[in-house]
Amino acid sequence: MKLKEIMIMSAILIVALVVIVSARNIADGTTYGSYSFSGINTVSNTNNNQNANLEVPTVQNGVQKVALSLVNGRYQLSPPNLKKDVPVRMEVDLSSVTGCMTSVTIPGFNVRKYVSPGDNIITFTPDKTGTFQIACSMGMGRNTFNVVDETGNVGTYVESAKTAGGSCGAGGGGCGCGGGAKL
């Protein structure tokens, strides 16, 4: 084989490996960045077996704690589901959430916060069940999370992706624009 052919084969193998690993991490939900909280439990869903045994945070002192990180270019909550009507304390991992991704929006709960060192906590109370969007203020890093009731029911509400963030470069910014505007 010639050097050019070896380089092409190597590039194809690397791309294939990245795609396989990324698909596996998204499908099995095991990759949530560097954070892990003890006190994660599951809620059995009696209304819809498709969502049985959803992983939710344990409530401590009336608050559910979750971590937010950036995995494969998307926001990721750990654990990935929240409990309805229980205040949330979301700690943002600033080692993975950088640049414009520090401007976090959760439109379904009117959350818009610019996080920074010393101010990397987002608080809100999810007051409805369903599937909700999370994105940066420019609409990047987009992902979803569920809010479940006490029986583990997610409900039927699914927030439209159009409600989360703008578009990359909106308002004159661009990808990798830095810290973004303070909100």
N, C-alpha and C. Protein backbone atom coordinates (compact mmCIF):
# COMPACT_ATOMS: atom_id res chain seq x y z
N MET A 1 0.83 -1.19 0.00
CA MET A 1 0.00 0.00 0.00
C MET A 1 0.87 1.24 0.00
N LYS A 2 0.36 2.22 -0.66
CA LYS A 2 1.06 3.50 -0.69
C LYS A 2 0.67 4.32 0.53
N LEU A 3 1.51 5.29 0.87
CA LEU A 3 1.28 6.13 2.04
C LEU A 3 -0.08 6.83 1.96
N LYS A 4 -0.46 7.31 0.79
CA LYS A 4 -1.74 8.00 0.62
C LYS A 4 -2.91 7.07 0.95
N GLU A 5 -2.83 5.82 0.48
CA GLU A 5 -3.89 4.86 0.75
C GLU A 5 -3.97 4.53 2.24
N ILE A 6 -2.83 4.41 2.89
CA ILE A 6 -2.79 4.13 4.33
C ILE A 6 -3.42 5.29 5.10
N MET A 7 -3.11 6.51 4.70
CA MET A 7 -3.68 7.68 5.38
C MET A 7 -5.19 7.74 5.21
N ILE A 8 -5.68 7.43 4.03
CA ILE A 8 -7.12 7.45 3.77
C ILE A 8 -7.82 6.38 4.60
N MET A 9 -7.25 5.18 4.63
CA MET A 9 -7.83 4.08 5.41
C MET A 9 -7.84 4.43 6.90
N SER A 10 -6.76 5.04 7.38
CA SER A 10 -6.68 5.43 8.78
C SER A 10 -7.75 6.46 9.11
N ALA A 11 -7.93 7.44 8.25
CA ALA A 11 -8.95 8.48 8.47
C ALA A 11 -10.34 7.87 8.51
N ILE A 12 -10.62 6.94 7.62
CA ILE A 12 -11.93 6.28 7.58
C ILE A 12 -12.15 5.50 8.87
N LEU A 13 -11.14 4.79 9.33
CA LEU A 13 -11.27 4.02 10.56
C LEU A 13 -11.49 4.92 11.78
N ILE A 14 -10.81 6.04 11.83
CA ILE A 14 -10.97 6.97 12.95
C ILE A 14 -12.38 7.54 12.97
N VAL A 15 -12.89 7.96 11.81
CA VAL A 15 -14.25 8.50 11.72
C VAL A 15 -15.25 7.43 12.13
N ALA A 16 -15.08 6.22 11.64
CA ALA A 16 -16.00 5.13 11.99
C ALA A 16 -15.99 4.87 13.49
N LEU A 17 -14.82 4.88 14.10
CA LEU A 17 -14.71 4.65 15.54
C LEU A 17 -15.42 5.75 16.33
N VAL A 18 -15.24 7.00 15.93
CA VAL A 18 -15.89 8.12 16.60
C VAL A 18 -17.40 7.99 16.49
N VAL A 19 -17.90 7.64 15.32
CA VAL A 19 -19.35 7.50 15.12
C VAL A 19 -19.89 6.36 15.98
N ILE A 20 -19.19 5.24 16.02
CA ILE A 20 -19.65 4.09 16.82
C ILE A 20 -19.66 4.43 18.30
N VAL A 21 -18.60 5.03 18.80
CA VAL A 21 -18.53 5.38 20.22
C VAL A 21 -19.59 6.41 20.57
N SER A 22 -19.78 7.43 19.73
CA SER A 22 -20.78 8.45 20.00
C SER A 22 -22.18 7.85 20.01
N ALA A 23 -22.48 7.01 19.04
CA ALA A 23 -23.80 6.38 18.98
C ALA A 23 -24.04 5.51 20.20
N ARG A 24 -23.04 4.78 20.65
CA ARG A 24 -23.18 3.94 21.82
C ARG A 24 -23.45 4.78 23.06
N ASN A 25 -22.71 5.87 23.22
CA ASN A 25 -22.90 6.72 24.40
C ASN A 25 -24.27 7.36 24.42
N ILE A 26 -24.77 7.80 23.28
CA ILE A 26 -26.09 8.42 23.22
C ILE A 26 -27.16 7.37 23.46
N ALA A 27 -27.01 6.17 22.87
CA ALA A 27 -28.03 5.14 22.97
C ALA A 27 -28.16 4.57 24.38
N ASP A 28 -27.05 4.32 25.06
CA ASP A 28 -27.17 3.68 26.37
C ASP A 28 -27.19 4.67 27.53
N GLY A 29 -26.94 5.96 27.24
CA GLY A 29 -27.06 6.98 28.26
C GLY A 29 -26.03 6.89 29.37
N THR A 30 -24.90 6.24 29.13
CA THR A 30 -23.94 6.06 30.21
C THR A 30 -22.95 7.20 30.33
N THR A 31 -22.82 8.04 29.34
CA THR A 31 -21.82 9.09 29.39
C THR A 31 -22.48 10.40 29.80
N TYR A 32 -22.11 10.88 30.97
CA TYR A 32 -22.65 12.13 31.47
C TYR A 32 -21.55 13.07 31.92
N GLY A 33 -20.41 13.01 31.31
CA GLY A 33 -19.32 13.89 31.68
C GLY A 33 -18.65 13.42 32.95
N SER A 34 -17.96 14.34 33.62
CA SER A 34 -17.14 13.97 34.76
C SER A 34 -17.91 13.95 36.08
N TYR A 35 -19.16 14.40 36.09
CA TYR A 35 -19.90 14.47 37.34
C TYR A 35 -20.66 13.19 37.61
N SER A 36 -20.69 12.80 38.85
CA SER A 36 -21.59 11.75 39.28
C SER A 36 -22.00 12.08 40.71
N PHE A 37 -23.30 12.10 40.93
CA PHE A 37 -23.81 12.37 42.26
C PHE A 37 -24.24 11.07 42.90
N SER A 38 -23.90 10.90 44.16
CA SER A 38 -24.49 9.78 44.88
C SER A 38 -25.92 10.19 45.18
N GLY A 39 -26.75 9.25 45.43
CA GLY A 39 -28.13 9.57 45.74
C GLY A 39 -29.01 9.64 44.52
N ILE A 40 -28.64 8.94 43.46
CA ILE A 40 -29.49 8.87 42.28
C ILE A 40 -30.37 7.64 42.44
N ASN A 41 -31.66 7.79 42.15
CA ASN A 41 -32.54 6.64 42.24
C ASN A 41 -33.39 6.54 40.99
N THR A 42 -34.30 5.60 40.97
CA THR A 42 -35.17 5.43 39.81
C THR A 42 -36.62 5.54 40.24
N VAL A 43 -37.45 5.94 39.30
CA VAL A 43 -38.89 6.00 39.51
C VAL A 43 -39.51 5.05 38.51
N SER A 44 -40.32 4.11 38.99
CA SER A 44 -41.00 3.19 38.08
C SER A 44 -42.20 3.89 37.48
N ASN A 45 -42.34 3.77 36.18
CA ASN A 45 -43.45 4.39 35.48
C ASN A 45 -44.56 3.36 35.35
N THR A 46 -45.66 3.59 36.04
CA THR A 46 -46.77 2.64 35.99
C THR A 46 -47.70 2.90 34.82
N ASN A 47 -47.56 4.07 34.18
CA ASN A 47 -48.48 4.42 33.09
C ASN A 47 -47.93 4.12 31.71
N ASN A 48 -46.63 3.96 31.58
CA ASN A 48 -46.05 3.79 30.25
C ASN A 48 -44.76 2.98 30.38
N ASN A 49 -44.81 1.71 30.06
CA ASN A 49 -43.64 0.84 30.23
C ASN A 49 -42.43 1.32 29.45
N GLN A 50 -42.63 2.09 28.41
CA GLN A 50 -41.53 2.61 27.61
C GLN A 50 -40.59 3.47 28.46
N ASN A 51 -41.10 4.12 29.49
CA ASN A 51 -40.30 4.99 30.34
C ASN A 51 -40.09 4.39 31.72
N ALA A 52 -40.19 3.06 31.84
CA ALA A 52 -40.06 2.42 33.15
C ALA A 52 -38.67 2.67 33.74
N ASN A 53 -38.65 2.80 35.07
CA ASN A 53 -37.40 2.94 35.83
C ASN A 53 -36.53 4.10 35.34
N LEU A 54 -37.11 5.27 35.25
CA LEU A 54 -36.37 6.45 34.86
C LEU A 54 -35.43 6.88 35.98
N GLU A 55 -34.21 7.22 35.62
CA GLU A 55 -33.22 7.66 36.59
C GLU A 55 -33.48 9.12 36.96
N VAL A 56 -33.74 9.36 38.24
CA VAL A 56 -34.02 10.71 38.75
C VAL A 56 -33.16 10.96 39.98
N PRO A 57 -32.94 12.25 40.31
CA PRO A 57 -32.14 12.54 41.50
C PRO A 57 -32.92 12.24 42.78
N THR A 58 -32.20 11.91 43.82
CA THR A 58 -32.80 11.79 45.14
C THR A 58 -33.00 13.20 45.68
N VAL A 59 -34.11 13.42 46.34
CA VAL A 59 -34.39 14.73 46.92
C VAL A 59 -33.72 14.79 48.29
N GLN A 60 -32.86 15.80 48.48
CA GLN A 60 -32.18 16.01 49.75
C GLN A 60 -32.46 17.43 50.22
N ASN A 61 -32.98 17.55 51.43
CA ASN A 61 -33.35 18.86 51.97
C ASN A 61 -34.30 19.61 51.05
N GLY A 62 -35.21 18.89 50.41
CA GLY A 62 -36.21 19.49 49.55
C GLY A 62 -35.72 19.91 48.18
N VAL A 63 -34.49 19.52 47.80
CA VAL A 63 -33.90 19.93 46.53
C VAL A 63 -33.35 18.71 45.80
N GLN A 64 -33.53 18.68 44.48
CA GLN A 64 -32.91 17.64 43.67
C GLN A 64 -31.67 18.23 42.99
N LYS A 65 -30.54 17.52 43.15
CA LYS A 65 -29.28 18.00 42.59
C LYS A 65 -28.96 17.25 41.31
N VAL A 66 -28.60 18.02 40.26
CA VAL A 66 -28.18 17.43 38.99
C VAL A 66 -26.93 18.15 38.51
N ALA A 67 -26.20 17.48 37.63
CA ALA A 67 -25.02 18.08 37.02
C ALA A 67 -25.32 18.33 35.55
N LEU A 68 -24.76 19.40 35.02
CA LEU A 68 -24.89 19.71 33.59
C LEU A 68 -23.49 19.78 33.01
N SER A 69 -23.26 18.99 31.98
CA SER A 69 -21.97 19.01 31.30
C SER A 69 -22.22 19.00 29.79
N LEU A 70 -21.16 19.11 29.05
CA LEU A 70 -21.23 19.06 27.59
C LEU A 70 -20.55 17.77 27.16
N VAL A 71 -21.31 16.89 26.48
CA VAL A 71 -20.81 15.60 26.02
C VAL A 71 -21.09 15.49 24.53
N ASN A 72 -20.06 15.26 23.77
CA ASN A 72 -20.20 15.14 22.31
C ASN A 72 -20.94 16.35 21.72
N GLY A 73 -20.65 17.54 22.25
CA GLY A 73 -21.23 18.76 21.71
C GLY A 73 -22.66 19.04 22.13
N ARG A 74 -23.19 18.27 23.09
CA ARG A 74 -24.58 18.46 23.54
C ARG A 74 -24.61 18.54 25.06
N TYR A 75 -25.52 19.38 25.57
CA TYR A 75 -25.73 19.43 27.01
C TYR A 75 -26.22 18.07 27.49
N GLN A 76 -25.77 17.66 28.67
CA GLN A 76 -26.18 16.38 29.23
C GLN A 76 -26.43 16.55 30.72
N LEU A 77 -27.63 16.21 31.18
CA LEU A 77 -27.96 16.22 32.60
C LEU A 77 -27.63 14.87 33.21
N SER A 78 -27.15 14.89 34.44
CA SER A 78 -26.89 13.65 35.15
C SER A 78 -27.41 13.80 36.56
N PRO A 79 -28.44 13.04 36.93
CA PRO A 79 -29.20 12.10 36.13
C PRO A 79 -30.04 12.82 35.08
N PRO A 80 -30.50 12.07 34.07
CA PRO A 80 -31.12 12.69 32.90
C PRO A 80 -32.59 13.09 33.04
N ASN A 81 -33.20 12.85 34.19
CA ASN A 81 -34.62 13.18 34.39
C ASN A 81 -34.78 13.96 35.69
N LEU A 82 -35.81 14.79 35.74
CA LEU A 82 -36.09 15.59 36.93
C LEU A 82 -37.48 15.26 37.46
N LYS A 83 -37.71 15.58 38.74
CA LYS A 83 -39.01 15.37 39.36
C LYS A 83 -39.81 16.67 39.33
N LYS A 84 -41.07 16.56 38.99
CA LYS A 84 -41.97 17.71 38.95
C LYS A 84 -42.18 18.27 40.36
N ASP A 85 -42.27 19.60 40.45
CA ASP A 85 -42.59 20.33 41.68
C ASP A 85 -41.53 20.22 42.77
N VAL A 86 -40.31 19.82 42.41
CA VAL A 86 -39.21 19.76 43.36
C VAL A 86 -38.12 20.71 42.86
N PRO A 87 -37.70 21.69 43.67
CA PRO A 87 -36.67 22.63 43.23
C PRO A 87 -35.40 21.91 42.75
N VAL A 88 -34.80 22.46 41.70
CA VAL A 88 -33.60 21.88 41.08
C VAL A 88 -32.40 22.77 41.39
N ARG A 89 -31.31 22.13 41.75
CA ARG A 89 -30.00 22.80 41.88
C ARG A 89 -29.09 22.13 40.86
N MET A 90 -28.87 22.82 39.73
CA MET A 90 -28.08 22.28 38.63
C MET A 90 -26.68 22.88 38.67
N GLU A 91 -25.68 22.03 38.90
CA GLU A 91 -24.30 22.48 38.93
C GLU A 91 -23.69 22.28 37.54
N VAL A 92 -23.19 23.36 36.96
CA VAL A 92 -22.64 23.32 35.60
C VAL A 92 -21.15 23.04 35.67
N ASP A 93 -20.71 22.02 34.96
CA ASP A 93 -19.30 21.63 34.88
C ASP A 93 -18.59 22.56 33.90
N LEU A 94 -17.90 23.56 34.42
CA LEU A 94 -17.26 24.56 33.57
C LEU A 94 -15.99 24.04 32.89
N SER A 95 -15.57 22.83 33.20
CA SER A 95 -14.44 22.26 32.45
C SER A 95 -14.90 21.74 31.09
N SER A 96 -16.20 21.43 30.95
CA SER A 96 -16.72 20.98 29.65
C SER A 96 -17.64 22.02 29.02
N VAL A 97 -18.30 22.84 29.82
CA VAL A 97 -19.21 23.87 29.31
C VAL A 97 -18.42 25.18 29.24
N THR A 98 -18.02 25.56 28.03
CA THR A 98 -17.18 26.74 27.81
C THR A 98 -17.73 27.59 26.69
N GLY A 99 -17.12 28.73 26.48
CA GLY A 99 -17.50 29.62 25.37
C GLY A 99 -18.95 30.01 25.44
N CYS A 100 -19.61 30.04 24.27
CA CYS A 100 -21.01 30.47 24.23
C CYS A 100 -21.92 29.47 24.94
N MET A 101 -21.43 28.26 25.20
CA MET A 101 -22.25 27.26 25.90
C MET A 101 -22.50 27.65 27.36
N THR A 102 -21.78 28.66 27.87
CA THR A 102 -22.01 29.11 29.24
C THR A 102 -23.27 29.97 29.36
N SER A 103 -23.91 30.27 28.24
CA SER A 103 -25.18 30.99 28.23
C SER A 103 -26.29 29.96 28.05
N VAL A 104 -26.81 29.43 29.16
CA VAL A 104 -27.72 28.29 29.15
C VAL A 104 -29.17 28.76 29.14
N THR A 105 -29.98 28.12 28.29
CA THR A 105 -31.42 28.43 28.26
C THR A 105 -32.23 27.14 28.41
N ILE A 106 -33.28 27.23 29.22
CA ILE A 106 -34.27 26.17 29.35
C ILE A 106 -35.62 26.88 29.22
N PRO A 107 -36.09 27.09 27.98
CA PRO A 107 -37.27 27.93 27.74
C PRO A 107 -38.54 27.46 28.45
N GLY A 108 -38.73 26.16 28.59
CA GLY A 108 -39.94 25.64 29.22
C GLY A 108 -40.11 26.08 30.66
N PHE A 109 -39.01 26.51 31.28
CA PHE A 109 -39.06 26.96 32.68
C PHE A 109 -38.49 28.38 32.82
N ASN A 110 -38.46 29.11 31.72
CA ASN A 110 -37.99 30.50 31.70
C ASN A 110 -36.61 30.68 32.31
N VAL A 111 -35.71 29.74 32.04
CA VAL A 111 -34.35 29.82 32.55
C VAL A 111 -33.44 30.37 31.46
N ARG A 112 -32.72 31.42 31.78
CA ARG A 112 -31.66 31.99 30.93
C ARG A 112 -30.58 32.44 31.89
N LYS A 113 -29.45 31.76 31.84
CA LYS A 113 -28.39 32.12 32.78
C LYS A 113 -27.03 31.99 32.12
N TYR A 114 -26.21 33.00 32.33
CA TYR A 114 -24.81 32.97 31.95
C TYR A 114 -24.07 32.46 33.17
N VAL A 115 -23.41 31.30 33.04
CA VAL A 115 -22.68 30.74 34.17
C VAL A 115 -21.20 31.06 34.03
N SER A 116 -20.54 31.16 35.17
CA SER A 116 -19.12 31.51 35.19
C SER A 116 -18.50 30.92 36.44
N PRO A 117 -17.17 30.94 36.53
CA PRO A 117 -16.53 30.46 37.77
C PRO A 117 -17.08 31.25 38.96
N GLY A 118 -17.47 30.55 39.99
CA GLY A 118 -18.05 31.20 41.16
C GLY A 118 -19.55 31.40 41.06
N ASP A 119 -20.13 31.23 39.88
CA ASP A 119 -21.57 31.37 39.68
C ASP A 119 -22.01 30.33 38.64
N ASN A 120 -21.81 29.06 38.97
CA ASN A 120 -22.12 28.00 38.02
C ASN A 120 -23.32 27.16 38.46
N ILE A 121 -24.22 27.73 39.24
CA ILE A 121 -25.41 27.02 39.71
C ILE A 121 -26.64 27.63 39.06
N ILE A 122 -27.50 26.77 38.52
CA ILE A 122 -28.77 27.18 37.94
C ILE A 122 -29.86 26.58 38.82
N THR A 123 -30.83 27.41 39.23
CA THR A 123 -31.93 26.91 40.06
C THR A 123 -33.26 27.23 39.39
N PHE A 124 -34.18 26.31 39.49
CA PHE A 124 -35.55 26.49 39.01
C PHE A 124 -36.39 25.35 39.56
N THR A 125 -37.71 25.48 39.45
CA THR A 125 -38.61 24.42 39.87
C THR A 125 -39.44 23.98 38.67
N PRO A 126 -39.27 22.74 38.22
CA PRO A 126 -40.08 22.26 37.10
C PRO A 126 -41.51 22.02 37.56
N ASP A 127 -42.46 22.77 36.99
CA ASP A 127 -43.84 22.72 37.46
C ASP A 127 -44.77 21.98 36.51
N LYS A 128 -44.21 21.29 35.52
CA LYS A 128 -45.02 20.51 34.59
C LYS A 128 -44.19 19.33 34.09
N THR A 129 -44.88 18.27 33.69
CA THR A 129 -44.20 17.09 33.17
C THR A 129 -44.06 17.19 31.66
N GLY A 130 -43.14 16.41 31.12
CA GLY A 130 -42.95 16.35 29.68
C GLY A 130 -41.48 16.30 29.32
N THR A 131 -41.21 16.55 28.05
CA THR A 131 -39.85 16.56 27.52
C THR A 131 -39.51 17.99 27.16
N PHE A 132 -38.39 18.51 27.69
CA PHE A 132 -38.05 19.92 27.57
C PHE A 132 -36.69 20.11 26.91
N GLN A 133 -36.52 21.25 26.24
CA GLN A 133 -35.30 21.60 25.54
C GLN A 133 -34.32 22.30 26.46
N ILE A 134 -33.04 22.10 26.20
CA ILE A 134 -31.97 22.87 26.82
C ILE A 134 -30.98 23.18 25.70
N ALA A 135 -30.49 24.41 25.65
CA ALA A 135 -29.55 24.83 24.60
C ALA A 135 -28.81 26.07 25.07
N CYS A 136 -27.77 26.45 24.35
CA CYS A 136 -27.15 27.75 24.63
C CYS A 136 -28.04 28.82 24.01
N SER A 137 -27.77 30.07 24.28
CA SER A 137 -28.63 31.15 23.79
C SER A 137 -28.61 31.26 22.26
N MET A 138 -27.63 30.61 21.61
CA MET A 138 -27.59 30.62 20.14
C MET A 138 -28.19 29.34 19.56
N GLY A 139 -28.71 28.48 20.42
CA GLY A 139 -29.37 27.26 19.95
C GLY A 139 -28.44 26.08 19.75
N MET A 140 -27.19 26.18 20.20
CA MET A 140 -26.26 25.07 20.04
C MET A 140 -26.25 24.22 21.31
N GLY A 141 -25.66 23.03 21.22
CA GLY A 141 -25.60 22.13 22.36
C GLY A 141 -26.94 21.55 22.71
N ARG A 142 -27.89 21.71 21.83
CA ARG A 142 -29.28 21.35 22.08
C ARG A 142 -29.44 19.89 22.49
N ASN A 143 -30.26 19.70 23.52
CA ASN A 143 -30.63 18.36 23.96
C ASN A 143 -31.95 18.48 24.70
N THR A 144 -32.46 17.36 25.17
CA THR A 144 -33.71 17.35 25.92
C THR A 144 -33.53 16.61 27.24
N PHE A 145 -34.46 16.86 28.14
CA PHE A 145 -34.54 16.10 29.39
C PHE A 145 -36.01 15.95 29.73
N ASN A 146 -36.32 14.99 30.58
CA ASN A 146 -37.70 14.73 30.98
C ASN A 146 -37.96 15.22 32.39
N VAL A 147 -39.20 15.62 32.63
CA VAL A 147 -39.68 15.90 33.97
C VAL A 147 -40.82 14.91 34.21
N VAL A 148 -40.71 14.16 35.31
CA VAL A 148 -41.68 13.12 35.60
C VAL A 148 -42.46 13.45 36.87
N ASP A 149 -43.69 12.91 36.95
CA ASP A 149 -44.46 13.08 38.18
C ASP A 149 -44.06 12.00 39.18
N GLU A 150 -44.76 11.94 40.31
CA GLU A 150 -44.38 11.01 41.38
C GLU A 150 -44.51 9.54 40.99
N THR A 151 -45.28 9.24 39.94
CA THR A 151 -45.41 7.85 39.48
C THR A 151 -44.42 7.51 38.37
N GLY A 152 -43.63 8.50 37.94
CA GLY A 152 -42.69 8.29 36.85
C GLY A 152 -43.26 8.59 35.49
N ASN A 153 -44.47 9.15 35.44
CA ASN A 153 -45.11 9.47 34.16
C ASN A 153 -44.50 10.74 33.58
N VAL A 154 -44.00 10.66 32.35
CA VAL A 154 -43.43 11.81 31.67
C VAL A 154 -44.53 12.69 31.09
N GLY A 155 -45.67 12.13 30.83
CA GLY A 155 -46.74 12.88 30.19
C GLY A 155 -46.53 12.93 28.69
N THR A 156 -47.34 13.72 28.00
CA THR A 156 -47.29 13.75 26.54
C THR A 156 -46.69 15.03 25.98
N TYR A 157 -46.43 16.02 26.82
CA TYR A 157 -45.89 17.30 26.33
C TYR A 157 -44.45 17.13 25.85
N VAL A 158 -44.18 17.60 24.63
CA VAL A 158 -42.83 17.62 24.08
C VAL A 158 -42.59 19.03 23.56
N GLU A 159 -41.64 19.73 24.17
CA GLU A 159 -41.33 21.10 23.79
C GLU A 159 -40.69 21.13 22.41
N SER A 160 -41.12 22.05 21.58
CA SER A 160 -40.56 22.21 20.24
C SER A 160 -39.13 22.71 20.31
N ALA A 161 -38.29 22.20 19.44
CA ALA A 161 -36.89 22.64 19.37
C ALA A 161 -36.80 24.11 18.98
N LYS A 162 -37.82 24.65 18.35
CA LYS A 162 -37.79 26.05 17.92
C LYS A 162 -37.81 27.02 19.09
N THR A 163 -38.23 26.55 20.27
CA THR A 163 -38.33 27.47 21.42
C THR A 163 -37.01 27.66 22.14
N ALA A 164 -36.01 26.82 21.86
CA ALA A 164 -34.76 26.88 22.60
C ALA A 164 -33.68 27.59 21.81
N GLY A 165 -33.25 28.74 22.30
CA GLY A 165 -32.11 29.44 21.71
C GLY A 165 -32.41 30.03 20.34
N GLY A 166 -31.41 30.69 19.81
CA GLY A 166 -31.52 31.28 18.48
C GLY A 166 -30.80 30.39 17.49
N SER A 167 -30.05 31.02 16.60
CA SER A 167 -29.27 30.24 15.65
C SER A 167 -27.81 30.62 15.81
N CYS A 168 -26.95 29.73 15.44
CA CYS A 168 -25.52 30.00 15.57
C CYS A 168 -25.19 31.26 14.78
N GLY A 169 -24.63 32.21 15.45
CA GLY A 169 -24.28 33.46 14.78
C GLY A 169 -25.36 34.53 14.89
N ALA A 170 -26.47 34.23 15.56
CA ALA A 170 -27.54 35.22 15.70
C ALA A 170 -26.99 36.44 16.44
N GLY A 171 -27.40 37.58 16.03
CA GLY A 171 -26.98 38.82 16.69
C GLY A 171 -25.53 39.16 16.47
N GLY A 172 -24.93 38.61 15.42
CA GLY A 172 -23.56 38.99 15.08
C GLY A 172 -22.50 38.09 15.67
N GLY A 173 -22.86 37.17 16.56
CA GLY A 173 -21.89 36.24 17.15
C GLY A 173 -21.61 35.11 16.20
N GLY A 174 -20.75 34.23 16.60
CA GLY A 174 -20.46 33.06 15.79
C GLY A 174 -20.05 31.92 16.66
N CYS A 175 -19.85 30.76 16.07
CA CYS A 175 -19.42 29.60 16.85
C CYS A 175 -18.11 29.94 17.56
N GLY A 176 -18.03 29.55 18.81
CA GLY A 176 -16.81 29.81 19.58
C GLY A 176 -16.63 31.28 19.91
N CYS A 177 -17.76 31.97 20.09
CA CYS A 177 -17.71 33.42 20.26
C CYS A 177 -17.17 33.86 21.61
N GLY A 178 -16.90 32.92 22.47
CA GLY A 178 -16.42 33.31 23.80
C GLY A 178 -17.51 33.16 24.83
N GLY A 179 -17.55 34.03 25.79
CA GLY A 179 -18.47 33.90 26.92
C GLY A 179 -19.90 34.25 26.62
N GLY A 180 -20.20 34.87 25.52
CA GLY A 180 -21.57 35.24 25.21
C GLY A 180 -21.99 36.44 26.04
N ALA A 181 -23.19 36.90 25.79
CA ALA A 181 -23.72 38.06 26.51
C ALA A 181 -24.21 37.64 27.88
N LYS A 182 -23.98 38.47 28.88
CA LYS A 182 -24.50 38.17 30.21
C LYS A 182 -25.99 38.40 30.20
N LEU A 183 -26.69 37.45 30.81
CA LEU A 183 -28.15 37.52 30.81
C LEU A 183 -28.66 37.94 32.16
